[in-house]
Amino acid sequence: MMTHMTGTREEWLKARLDLLRDEKELTRKSDELALRRQELPWVRIDKEYRFETENGSASLVDLFGGRSQLLVYHFMFGPDYTAGCPSCSSIADGFNGVVVHLENHDVAFSAVSRAPLQKLQAFKERMGWSFPWASSNGGDFNADFSVWFTADQQREGTIEYNFRREPPLAGPPGGQTVHEWQQGSSESPIAQIAASTGTDVATYARDRPGVSAFVLEDGVVYHTYSSYSRGLDGLWGMYQWLDRAPRGRNETGIWWRHHDRYGRG
């Protein structure tokens, strides 16, 4: 049964032109915000971060690959995961075609996760990806850039993610065991996502997504920008398309999966 408003081509065109004015304003505002990102002060990085890559042990400078700029996607894949976060994986599905263009515009790219390199490489092969992916396992990189937190931080309420302090993670309610609480309701969105990575809710939530930008100048690395949570929406390609589809995002919970898991129930 048709429930949406219908109209003539002339009525559609009038409404479309009204919308176009607002779209153009949003584009101009987005351009202004991009310039403001570039104007942020640079923060010198003196810590010696180490990563494991397919080419061996690497420093942060090595990740630049001879270029002057580096973009890092903080991919949620902790050491205890059996698969990468499906949300991060959906975003990462759009990386392959972009990296070659970035690299030919003086911008290096790498995903970085805490899982051991062998796990990352196996999942990368499963997904059919080719973009660079480094392991920061055992180092401070993820903690320093606010995308990994400890169980103590969860319990004590000292997590600061997306520039906000989070409240303590509540413990199990009466009648529920710690294990049951950690798993979460099988119907809850966060439990569904955690289960797809082979973890419980608390373990899954200690890793977080984000993007960080760095610049290399006169042999010194500077941190220039980071964004988290819904600040990553613009990188999530499927949503850019859905926002232009007739019914938009049209979602009621977690509907996306690892791209090789659709149609498997």
C-alpha atoms as a PDB file:
ATOM      1  CA  MET A   1       0.000   0.000   0.000  1.00  0.00           C
ATOM      2  CA  MET A   2       1.399   3.385  -1.028  1.00  0.00           C
ATOM      3  CA  THR A   3       1.991   5.580   2.037  1.00  0.00           C
ATOM      4  CA  HIS A   4       4.434   8.189   0.737  1.00  0.00           C
ATOM      5  CA  MET A   5       3.370  11.535  -0.718  1.00  0.00           C
ATOM      6  CA  THR A   6       3.223  11.586  -4.504  1.00  0.00           C
ATOM      7  CA  GLY A   7       3.115  14.515  -6.913  1.00  0.00           C
ATOM      8  CA  THR A   8       3.681  15.801 -10.403  1.00  0.00           C
ATOM      9  CA  ARG A   9       7.089  16.294 -12.013  1.00  0.00           C
ATOM     10  CA  GLU A  10       6.660  20.056 -11.505  1.00  0.00           C
ATOM     11  CA  GLU A  11       5.954  19.601  -7.797  1.00  0.00           C
ATOM     12  CA  TRP A  12       8.963  17.267  -7.491  1.00  0.00           C
ATOM     13  CA  LEU A  13      11.221  19.814  -9.213  1.00  0.00           C
ATOM     14  CA  LYS A  14      10.118  22.643  -6.921  1.00  0.00           C
ATOM     15  CA  ALA A  15      10.762  20.515  -3.822  1.00  0.00           C
ATOM     16  CA  ARG A  16      14.072  19.300  -5.242  1.00  0.00           C
ATOM     17  CA  LEU A  17      15.307  22.848  -5.859  1.00  0.00           C
ATOM     18  CA  ASP A  18      14.393  23.797  -2.277  1.00  0.00           C
ATOM     19  CA  LEU A  19      16.412  20.820  -1.066  1.00  0.00           C
ATOM     20  CA  LEU A  20      19.292  21.693  -3.402  1.00  0.00           C
ATOM     21  CA  ARG A  21      19.770  25.044  -1.687  1.00  0.00           C
ATOM     22  CA  ASP A  22      20.226  23.286   1.646  1.00  0.00           C
ATOM     23  CA  GLU A  23      22.528  20.655   0.099  1.00  0.00           C
ATOM     24  CA  LYS A  24      24.730  23.373  -1.328  1.00  0.00           C
ATOM     25  CA  GLU A  25      24.884  25.079   2.060  1.00  0.00           C
ATOM     26  CA  LEU A  26      25.889  21.791   3.673  1.00  0.00           C
ATOM     27  CA  THR A  27      28.639  21.345   1.058  1.00  0.00           C
ATOM     28  CA  ARG A  28      29.984  24.822   1.732  1.00  0.00           C
ATOM     29  CA  LYS A  29      29.919  24.164   5.480  1.00  0.00           C
ATOM     30  CA  SER A  30      31.742  20.867   4.947  1.00  0.00           C
ATOM     31  CA  ASP A  31      34.440  22.698   2.970  1.00  0.00           C
ATOM     32  CA  GLU A  32      34.816  25.180   5.835  1.00  0.00           C
ATOM     33  CA  LEU A  33      35.179  22.368   8.364  1.00  0.00           C
ATOM     34  CA  ALA A  34      37.844  20.700   6.210  1.00  0.00           C
ATOM     35  CA  LEU A  35      39.878  23.902   6.303  1.00  0.00           C
ATOM     36  CA  ARG A  36      39.471  24.144  10.079  1.00  0.00           C
ATOM     37  CA  ARG A  37      40.807  20.584  10.421  1.00  0.00           C
ATOM     38  CA  GLN A  38      43.903  21.651   8.509  1.00  0.00           C
ATOM     39  CA  GLU A  39      44.330  24.684  10.774  1.00  0.00           C
ATOM     40  CA  LEU A  40      44.491  22.637  13.996  1.00  0.00           C
ATOM     41  CA  PRO A  41      47.853  22.915  15.791  1.00  0.00           C
ATOM     42  CA  TRP A  42      50.249  20.017  15.208  1.00  0.00           C
ATOM     43  CA  VAL A  43      51.410  18.013  18.227  1.00  0.00           C
ATOM     44  CA  ARG A  44      54.918  16.584  18.069  1.00  0.00           C
ATOM     45  CA  ILE A  45      55.232  12.845  18.704  1.00  0.00           C
ATOM     46  CA  ASP A  46      58.417  11.797  20.467  1.00  0.00           C
ATOM     47  CA  LYS A  47      57.383   8.298  21.589  1.00  0.00           C
ATOM     48  CA  GLU A  48      58.871   5.430  19.572  1.00  0.00           C
ATOM     49  CA  TYR A  49      55.886   3.381  18.477  1.00  0.00           C
ATOM     50  CA  ARG A  50      56.520  -0.013  16.885  1.00  0.00           C
ATOM     51  CA  PHE A  51      54.258  -2.029  14.612  1.00  0.00           C
ATOM     52  CA  GLU A  52      54.347  -5.392  12.912  1.00  0.00           C
ATOM     53  CA  THR A  53      53.601  -5.253   9.190  1.00  0.00           C
ATOM     54  CA  GLU A  54      53.784  -7.649   6.256  1.00  0.00           C
ATOM     55  CA  ASN A  55      57.219  -6.125   5.597  1.00  0.00           C
ATOM     56  CA  GLY A  56      58.448  -6.692   9.148  1.00  0.00           C
ATOM     57  CA  SER A  57      58.837  -4.493  12.208  1.00  0.00           C
ATOM     58  CA  ALA A  58      58.109  -0.829  11.497  1.00  0.00           C
ATOM     59  CA  SER A  59      58.166   2.535  13.207  1.00  0.00           C
ATOM     60  CA  LEU A  60      55.485   5.188  12.818  1.00  0.00           C
ATOM     61  CA  VAL A  61      57.769   6.941  10.334  1.00  0.00           C
ATOM     62  CA  ASP A  62      57.987   3.715   8.331  1.00  0.00           C
ATOM     63  CA  LEU A  63      54.223   3.688   7.932  1.00  0.00           C
ATOM     64  CA  PHE A  64      54.535   6.899   5.910  1.00  0.00           C
ATOM     65  CA  GLY A  65      56.251   4.900   3.170  1.00  0.00           C
ATOM     66  CA  GLY A  66      58.258   7.892   1.976  1.00  0.00           C
ATOM     67  CA  ARG A  67      55.247  10.216   1.910  1.00  0.00           C
ATOM     68  CA  SER A  68      54.700  13.322   4.021  1.00  0.00           C
ATOM     69  CA  GLN A  69      51.208  12.484   5.301  1.00  0.00           C
ATOM     70  CA  LEU A  70      49.665   9.431   6.937  1.00  0.00           C
ATOM     71  CA  LEU A  71      46.048   8.495   7.623  1.00  0.00           C
ATOM     72  CA  VAL A  72      45.412   5.700  10.129  1.00  0.00           C
ATOM     73  CA  TYR A  73      42.115   3.901  10.572  1.00  0.00           C
ATOM     74  CA  HIS A  74      41.863   2.490  14.103  1.00  0.00           C
ATOM     75  CA  PHE A  75      40.233  -0.848  13.275  1.00  0.00           C
ATOM     76  CA  MET A  76      38.499  -2.685  16.133  1.00  0.00           C
ATOM     77  CA  PHE A  77      40.256  -6.050  16.222  1.00  0.00           C
ATOM     78  CA  GLY A  78      41.554  -6.901  19.680  1.00  0.00           C
ATOM     79  CA  PRO A  79      43.849  -9.835  20.484  1.00  0.00           C
ATOM     80  CA  ASP A  80      40.877 -11.824  21.827  1.00  0.00           C
ATOM     81  CA  TYR A  81      38.720 -11.294  18.734  1.00  0.00           C
ATOM     82  CA  THR A  82      38.303 -14.121  16.235  1.00  0.00           C
ATOM     83  CA  ALA A  83      37.166 -11.687  13.512  1.00  0.00           C
ATOM     84  CA  GLY A  84      37.251  -7.953  12.940  1.00  0.00           C
ATOM     85  CA  CYS A  85      34.390  -5.729  14.059  1.00  0.00           C
ATOM     86  CA  PRO A  86      31.667  -5.971  11.372  1.00  0.00           C
ATOM     87  CA  SER A  87      31.104  -2.207  11.466  1.00  0.00           C
ATOM     88  CA  CYS A  88      34.802  -1.489  10.937  1.00  0.00           C
ATOM     89  CA  SER A  89      34.809  -4.207   8.292  1.00  0.00           C
ATOM     90  CA  SER A  90      31.966  -2.525   6.440  1.00  0.00           C
ATOM     91  CA  ILE A  91      33.888   0.743   6.444  1.00  0.00           C
ATOM     92  CA  ALA A  92      37.063  -1.077   5.381  1.00  0.00           C
ATOM     93  CA  ASP A  93      35.275  -2.574   2.375  1.00  0.00           C
ATOM     94  CA  GLY A  94      35.712   0.853   0.803  1.00  0.00           C
ATOM     95  CA  PHE A  95      39.468   1.184   1.442  1.00  0.00           C
ATOM     96  CA  ASN A  96      40.955  -0.874  -1.391  1.00  0.00           C
ATOM     97  CA  GLY A  97      39.990   1.439  -4.231  1.00  0.00           C
ATOM     98  CA  VAL A  98      40.937   4.584  -2.328  1.00  0.00           C
ATOM     99  CA  VAL A  99      44.459   3.774  -1.143  1.00  0.00           C
ATOM    100  CA  VAL A 100      46.140   3.964  -4.559  1.00  0.00           C
ATOM    101  CA  HIS A 101      44.729   7.458  -5.075  1.00  0.00           C
ATOM    102  CA  LEU A 102      45.882   8.618  -1.636  1.00  0.00           C
ATOM    103  CA  GLU A 103      49.358   7.204  -2.208  1.00  0.00           C
ATOM    104  CA  ASN A 104      49.635   9.114  -5.463  1.00  0.00           C
ATOM    105  CA  HIS A 105      48.699  12.302  -3.657  1.00  0.00           C
ATOM    106  CA  ASP A 106      51.468  12.114  -1.024  1.00  0.00           C
ATOM    107  CA  VAL A 107      49.214  10.452   1.571  1.00  0.00           C
ATOM    108  CA  ALA A 108      49.993   7.028   3.045  1.00  0.00           C
ATOM    109  CA  PHE A 109      47.257   4.902   4.588  1.00  0.00           C
ATOM    110  CA  SER A 110      47.223   2.058   7.087  1.00  0.00           C
ATOM    111  CA  ALA A 111      44.679   0.353   9.265  1.00  0.00           C
ATOM    112  CA  VAL A 112      46.049  -0.381  12.747  1.00  0.00           C
ATOM    113  CA  SER A 113      44.713  -2.949  15.230  1.00  0.00           C
ATOM    114  CA  ARG A 114      45.888  -4.605  18.450  1.00  0.00           C
ATOM    115  CA  ALA A 115      45.444  -8.176  17.234  1.00  0.00           C
ATOM    116  CA  PRO A 116      48.613 -10.061  16.279  1.00  0.00           C
ATOM    117  CA  LEU A 117      49.634  -9.667  12.648  1.00  0.00           C
ATOM    118  CA  GLN A 118      48.869 -13.293  11.817  1.00  0.00           C
ATOM    119  CA  LYS A 119      45.221 -12.798  12.819  1.00  0.00           C
ATOM    120  CA  LEU A 120      44.967  -9.591  10.797  1.00  0.00           C
ATOM    121  CA  GLN A 121      46.483 -11.206   7.722  1.00  0.00           C
ATOM    122  CA  ALA A 122      44.142 -14.206   7.917  1.00  0.00           C
ATOM    123  CA  PHE A 123      41.078 -11.979   8.207  1.00  0.00           C
ATOM    124  CA  LYS A 124      42.373  -9.699   5.472  1.00  0.00           C
ATOM    125  CA  GLU A 125      42.680 -12.692   3.151  1.00  0.00           C
ATOM    126  CA  ARG A 126      39.189 -13.856   4.086  1.00  0.00           C
ATOM    127  CA  MET A 127      37.764 -10.436   3.242  1.00  0.00           C
ATOM    128  CA  GLY A 128      39.753 -10.066   0.026  1.00  0.00           C
ATOM    129  CA  TRP A 129      41.361  -6.799   1.093  1.00  0.00           C
ATOM    130  CA  SER A 130      44.696  -5.417  -0.074  1.00  0.00           C
ATOM    131  CA  PHE A 131      45.165  -2.217   1.962  1.00  0.00           C
ATOM    132  CA  PRO A 132      48.066  -1.997   4.473  1.00  0.00           C
ATOM    133  CA  TRP A 133      47.204  -3.258   7.947  1.00  0.00           C
ATOM    134  CA  ALA A 134      49.638  -3.056  10.859  1.00  0.00           C
ATOM    135  CA  SER A 135      49.532  -4.692  14.276  1.00  0.00           C
ATOM    136  CA  SER A 136      50.200  -2.519  17.315  1.00  0.00           C
ATOM    137  CA  ASN A 137      50.005  -5.542  19.627  1.00  0.00           C
ATOM    138  CA  GLY A 138      51.805  -4.964  22.923  1.00  0.00           C
ATOM    139  CA  GLY A 139      52.397  -1.252  22.332  1.00  0.00           C
ATOM    140  CA  ASP A 140      50.873   2.004  23.577  1.00  0.00           C
ATOM    141  CA  PHE A 141      49.641   3.346  20.238  1.00  0.00           C
ATOM    142  CA  ASN A 142      45.963   2.442  20.649  1.00  0.00           C
ATOM    143  CA  ALA A 143      45.781   3.593  24.255  1.00  0.00           C
ATOM    144  CA  ASP A 144      47.587   6.855  23.499  1.00  0.00           C
ATOM    145  CA  PHE A 145      45.155   7.668  20.693  1.00  0.00           C
ATOM    146  CA  SER A 146      42.106   6.801  22.803  1.00  0.00           C
ATOM    147  CA  VAL A 147      40.928   3.674  20.968  1.00  0.00           C
ATOM    148  CA  TRP A 148      41.729   1.029  23.580  1.00  0.00           C
ATOM    149  CA  PHE A 149      40.909   0.874  27.271  1.00  0.00           C
ATOM    150  CA  THR A 150      41.461  -1.561  30.123  1.00  0.00           C
ATOM    151  CA  ALA A 151      38.938  -3.526  32.153  1.00  0.00           C
ATOM    152  CA  ASP A 152      39.879  -1.359  35.151  1.00  0.00           C
ATOM    153  CA  GLN A 153      39.048   1.787  33.183  1.00  0.00           C
ATOM    154  CA  GLN A 154      35.695   0.301  32.223  1.00  0.00           C
ATOM    155  CA  ARG A 155      34.916  -0.584  35.817  1.00  0.00           C
ATOM    156  CA  GLU A 156      36.150   2.681  37.329  1.00  0.00           C
ATOM    157  CA  GLY A 157      34.591   4.993  34.751  1.00  0.00           C
ATOM    158  CA  THR A 158      37.869   6.546  33.596  1.00  0.00           C
ATOM    159  CA  ILE A 159      37.404   5.888  29.869  1.00  0.00           C
ATOM    160  CA  GLU A 160      37.626   9.060  27.788  1.00  0.00           C
ATOM    161  CA  TYR A 161      36.468   8.299  24.268  1.00  0.00           C
ATOM    162  CA  ASN A 162      35.318  10.750  21.610  1.00  0.00           C
ATOM    163  CA  PHE A 163      36.499  13.548  23.930  1.00  0.00           C
ATOM    164  CA  ARG A 164      34.022  12.566  26.650  1.00  0.00           C
ATOM    165  CA  ARG A 165      34.289  10.741  29.966  1.00  0.00           C
ATOM    166  CA  GLU A 166      32.172   7.585  30.064  1.00  0.00           C
ATOM    167  CA  PRO A 167      30.365   6.329  33.176  1.00  0.00           C
ATOM    168  CA  PRO A 168      31.501   3.041  34.737  1.00  0.00           C
ATOM    169  CA  LEU A 169      30.335  -0.120  33.010  1.00  0.00           C
ATOM    170  CA  ALA A 170      27.503  -1.418  35.157  1.00  0.00           C
ATOM    171  CA  GLY A 171      27.892  -4.816  36.757  1.00  0.00           C
ATOM    172  CA  PRO A 172      25.434  -7.708  36.538  1.00  0.00           C
ATOM    173  CA  PRO A 173      21.927  -7.099  37.907  1.00  0.00           C
ATOM    174  CA  GLY A 174      20.445  -9.381  40.525  1.00  0.00           C
ATOM    175  CA  GLY A 175      19.915 -12.950  39.377  1.00  0.00           C
ATOM    176  CA  GLN A 176      22.429 -12.707  36.551  1.00  0.00           C
ATOM    177  CA  THR A 177      25.921 -14.176  36.569  1.00  0.00           C
ATOM    178  CA  VAL A 178      28.970 -12.181  35.475  1.00  0.00           C
ATOM    179  CA  HIS A 179      29.250 -14.400  32.406  1.00  0.00           C
ATOM    180  CA  GLU A 180      25.621 -13.776  31.443  1.00  0.00           C
ATOM    181  CA  TRP A 181      26.054 -10.037  31.912  1.00  0.00           C
ATOM    182  CA  GLN A 182      29.252  -9.943  29.856  1.00  0.00           C
ATOM    183  CA  GLN A 183      27.558 -11.775  27.030  1.00  0.00           C
ATOM    184  CA  GLY A 184      24.629  -9.385  27.142  1.00  0.00           C
ATOM    185  CA  SER A 185      21.163 -10.167  25.867  1.00  0.00           C
ATOM    186  CA  SER A 186      21.432 -12.149  22.655  1.00  0.00           C
ATOM    187  CA  GLU A 187      18.919  -9.693  21.193  1.00  0.00           C
ATOM    188  CA  SER A 188      20.846  -6.529  22.024  1.00  0.00           C
ATOM    189  CA  PRO A 189      22.711  -4.872  19.108  1.00  0.00           C
ATOM    190  CA  ILE A 190      26.008  -4.681  20.987  1.00  0.00           C
ATOM    191  CA  ALA A 191      25.773  -8.372  21.900  1.00  0.00           C
ATOM    192  CA  GLN A 192      25.119  -9.283  18.279  1.00  0.00           C
ATOM    193  CA  ILE A 193      28.202  -7.399  17.139  1.00  0.00           C
ATOM    194  CA  ALA A 194      30.359  -8.767  19.962  1.00  0.00           C
ATOM    195  CA  ALA A 195      29.288 -12.315  19.138  1.00  0.00           C
ATOM    196  CA  SER A 196      30.306 -11.850  15.498  1.00  0.00           C
ATOM    197  CA  THR A 197      33.846 -11.068  16.702  1.00  0.00           C
ATOM    198  CA  GLY A 198      33.935 -14.073  19.046  1.00  0.00           C
ATOM    199  CA  THR A 199      33.969 -11.967  22.216  1.00  0.00           C
ATOM    200  CA  ASP A 200      31.701 -10.873  25.043  1.00  0.00           C
ATOM    201  CA  VAL A 201      30.316  -7.348  25.262  1.00  0.00           C
ATOM    202  CA  ALA A 202      32.836  -6.023  27.781  1.00  0.00           C
ATOM    203  CA  THR A 203      35.867  -7.345  25.878  1.00  0.00           C
ATOM    204  CA  TYR A 204      34.542  -6.136  22.546  1.00  0.00           C
ATOM    205  CA  ALA A 205      33.860  -2.630  23.863  1.00  0.00           C
ATOM    206  CA  ARG A 206      37.389  -2.079  25.155  1.00  0.00           C
ATOM    207  CA  ASP A 207      38.560  -1.481  21.580  1.00  0.00           C
ATOM    208  CA  ARG A 208      37.064   1.484  19.728  1.00  0.00           C
ATOM    209  CA  PRO A 209      37.052   2.850  16.158  1.00  0.00           C
ATOM    210  CA  GLY A 210      38.659   6.069  15.007  1.00  0.00           C
ATOM    211  CA  VAL A 211      40.766   7.809  12.399  1.00  0.00           C
ATOM    212  CA  SER A 212      43.970   9.761  13.026  1.00  0.00           C
ATOM    213  CA  ALA A 213      46.098  11.921  10.767  1.00  0.00           C
ATOM    214  CA  PHE A 214      49.843  12.556  10.961  1.00  0.00           C
ATOM    215  CA  VAL A 215      52.365  14.648   9.085  1.00  0.00           C
ATOM    216  CA  LEU A 216      56.120  14.132   8.686  1.00  0.00           C
ATOM    217  CA  GLU A 217      58.143  17.334   8.459  1.00  0.00           C
ATOM    218  CA  ASP A 218      61.923  17.682   8.789  1.00  0.00           C
ATOM    219  CA  GLY A 219      62.100  14.131  10.125  1.00  0.00           C
ATOM    220  CA  VAL A 220      59.596  14.781  12.912  1.00  0.00           C
ATOM    221  CA  VAL A 221      56.124  13.216  13.120  1.00  0.00           C
ATOM    222  CA  TYR A 222      53.226  15.355  14.270  1.00  0.00           C
ATOM    223  CA  HIS A 223      49.686  14.326  15.171  1.00  0.00           C
ATOM    224  CA  THR A 224      47.243  16.629  13.355  1.00  0.00           C
ATOM    225  CA  TYR A 225      43.729  15.226  13.752  1.00  0.00           C
ATOM    226  CA  SER A 226      41.624  12.423  15.221  1.00  0.00           C
ATOM    227  CA  SER A 227      37.938  11.621  15.059  1.00  0.00           C
ATOM    228  CA  TYR A 228      35.818   8.899  16.613  1.00  0.00           C
ATOM    229  CA  SER A 229      32.348   7.388  16.815  1.00  0.00           C
ATOM    230  CA  ARG A 230      29.911   9.141  14.455  1.00  0.00           C
ATOM    231  CA  GLY A 231      32.750  11.366  13.342  1.00  0.00           C
ATOM    232  CA  LEU A 232      33.528   8.401  11.071  1.00  0.00           C
ATOM    233  CA  ASP A 233      30.146   8.464   9.318  1.00  0.00           C
ATOM    234  CA  GLY A 234      31.600  10.200   6.277  1.00  0.00           C
ATOM    235  CA  LEU A 235      34.017   7.293   5.805  1.00  0.00           C
ATOM    236  CA  TRP A 236      31.249   4.674   5.969  1.00  0.00           C
ATOM    237  CA  GLY A 237      30.502   4.350   2.289  1.00  0.00           C
ATOM    238  CA  MET A 238      27.301   2.313   2.465  1.00  0.00           C
ATOM    239  CA  TYR A 239      25.578   5.023   4.483  1.00  0.00           C
ATOM    240  CA  GLN A 240      26.440   7.703   1.931  1.00  0.00           C
ATOM    241  CA  TRP A 241      24.519   5.627  -0.602  1.00  0.00           C
ATOM    242  CA  LEU A 242      21.653   4.708   1.731  1.00  0.00           C
ATOM    243  CA  ASP A 243      21.136   8.383   2.598  1.00  0.00           C
ATOM    244  CA  ARG A 244      20.307   8.896  -1.085  1.00  0.00           C
ATOM    245  CA  ALA A 245      18.053   5.848  -1.392  1.00  0.00           C
ATOM    246  CA  PRO A 246      14.231   6.269  -1.317  1.00  0.00           C
ATOM    247  CA  ARG A 247      13.858   4.841   2.190  1.00  0.00           C
ATOM    248  CA  GLY A 248      17.158   6.089   3.584  1.00  0.00           C
ATOM    249  CA  ARG A 249      18.882   4.055   6.270  1.00  0.00           C
ATOM    250  CA  ASN A 250      15.605   2.330   7.183  1.00  0.00           C
ATOM    251  CA  GLU A 251      17.177   0.298   9.976  1.00  0.00           C
ATOM    252  CA  THR A 252      15.966  -1.159  13.236  1.00  0.00           C
ATOM    253  CA  GLY A 253      19.076  -2.557  14.853  1.00  0.00           C
ATOM    254  CA  ILE A 254      22.168  -4.236  13.495  1.00  0.00           C
ATOM    255  CA  TRP A 255      21.467  -5.445   9.970  1.00  0.00           C
ATOM    256  CA  TRP A 256      24.957  -5.382   8.419  1.00  0.00           C
ATOM    257  CA  ARG A 257      27.408  -8.273   8.581  1.00  0.00           C
ATOM    258  CA  HIS A 258      30.831  -9.228   7.334  1.00  0.00           C
ATOM    259  CA  HIS A 259      30.311  -9.150   3.591  1.00  0.00           C
ATOM    260  CA  ASP A 260      30.886 -12.906   3.274  1.00  0.00           C
ATOM    261  CA  ARG A 261      28.182 -13.685   5.837  1.00  0.00           C
ATOM    262  CA  TYR A 262      25.095 -12.380   4.060  1.00  0.00           C
ATOM    263  CA  GLY A 263      22.598 -15.074   3.185  1.00  0.00           C
ATOM    264  CA  ARG A 264      23.856 -17.436   5.893  1.00  0.00           C
ATOM    265  CA  GLY A 265      21.020 -16.919   8.340  1.00  0.00           C
END
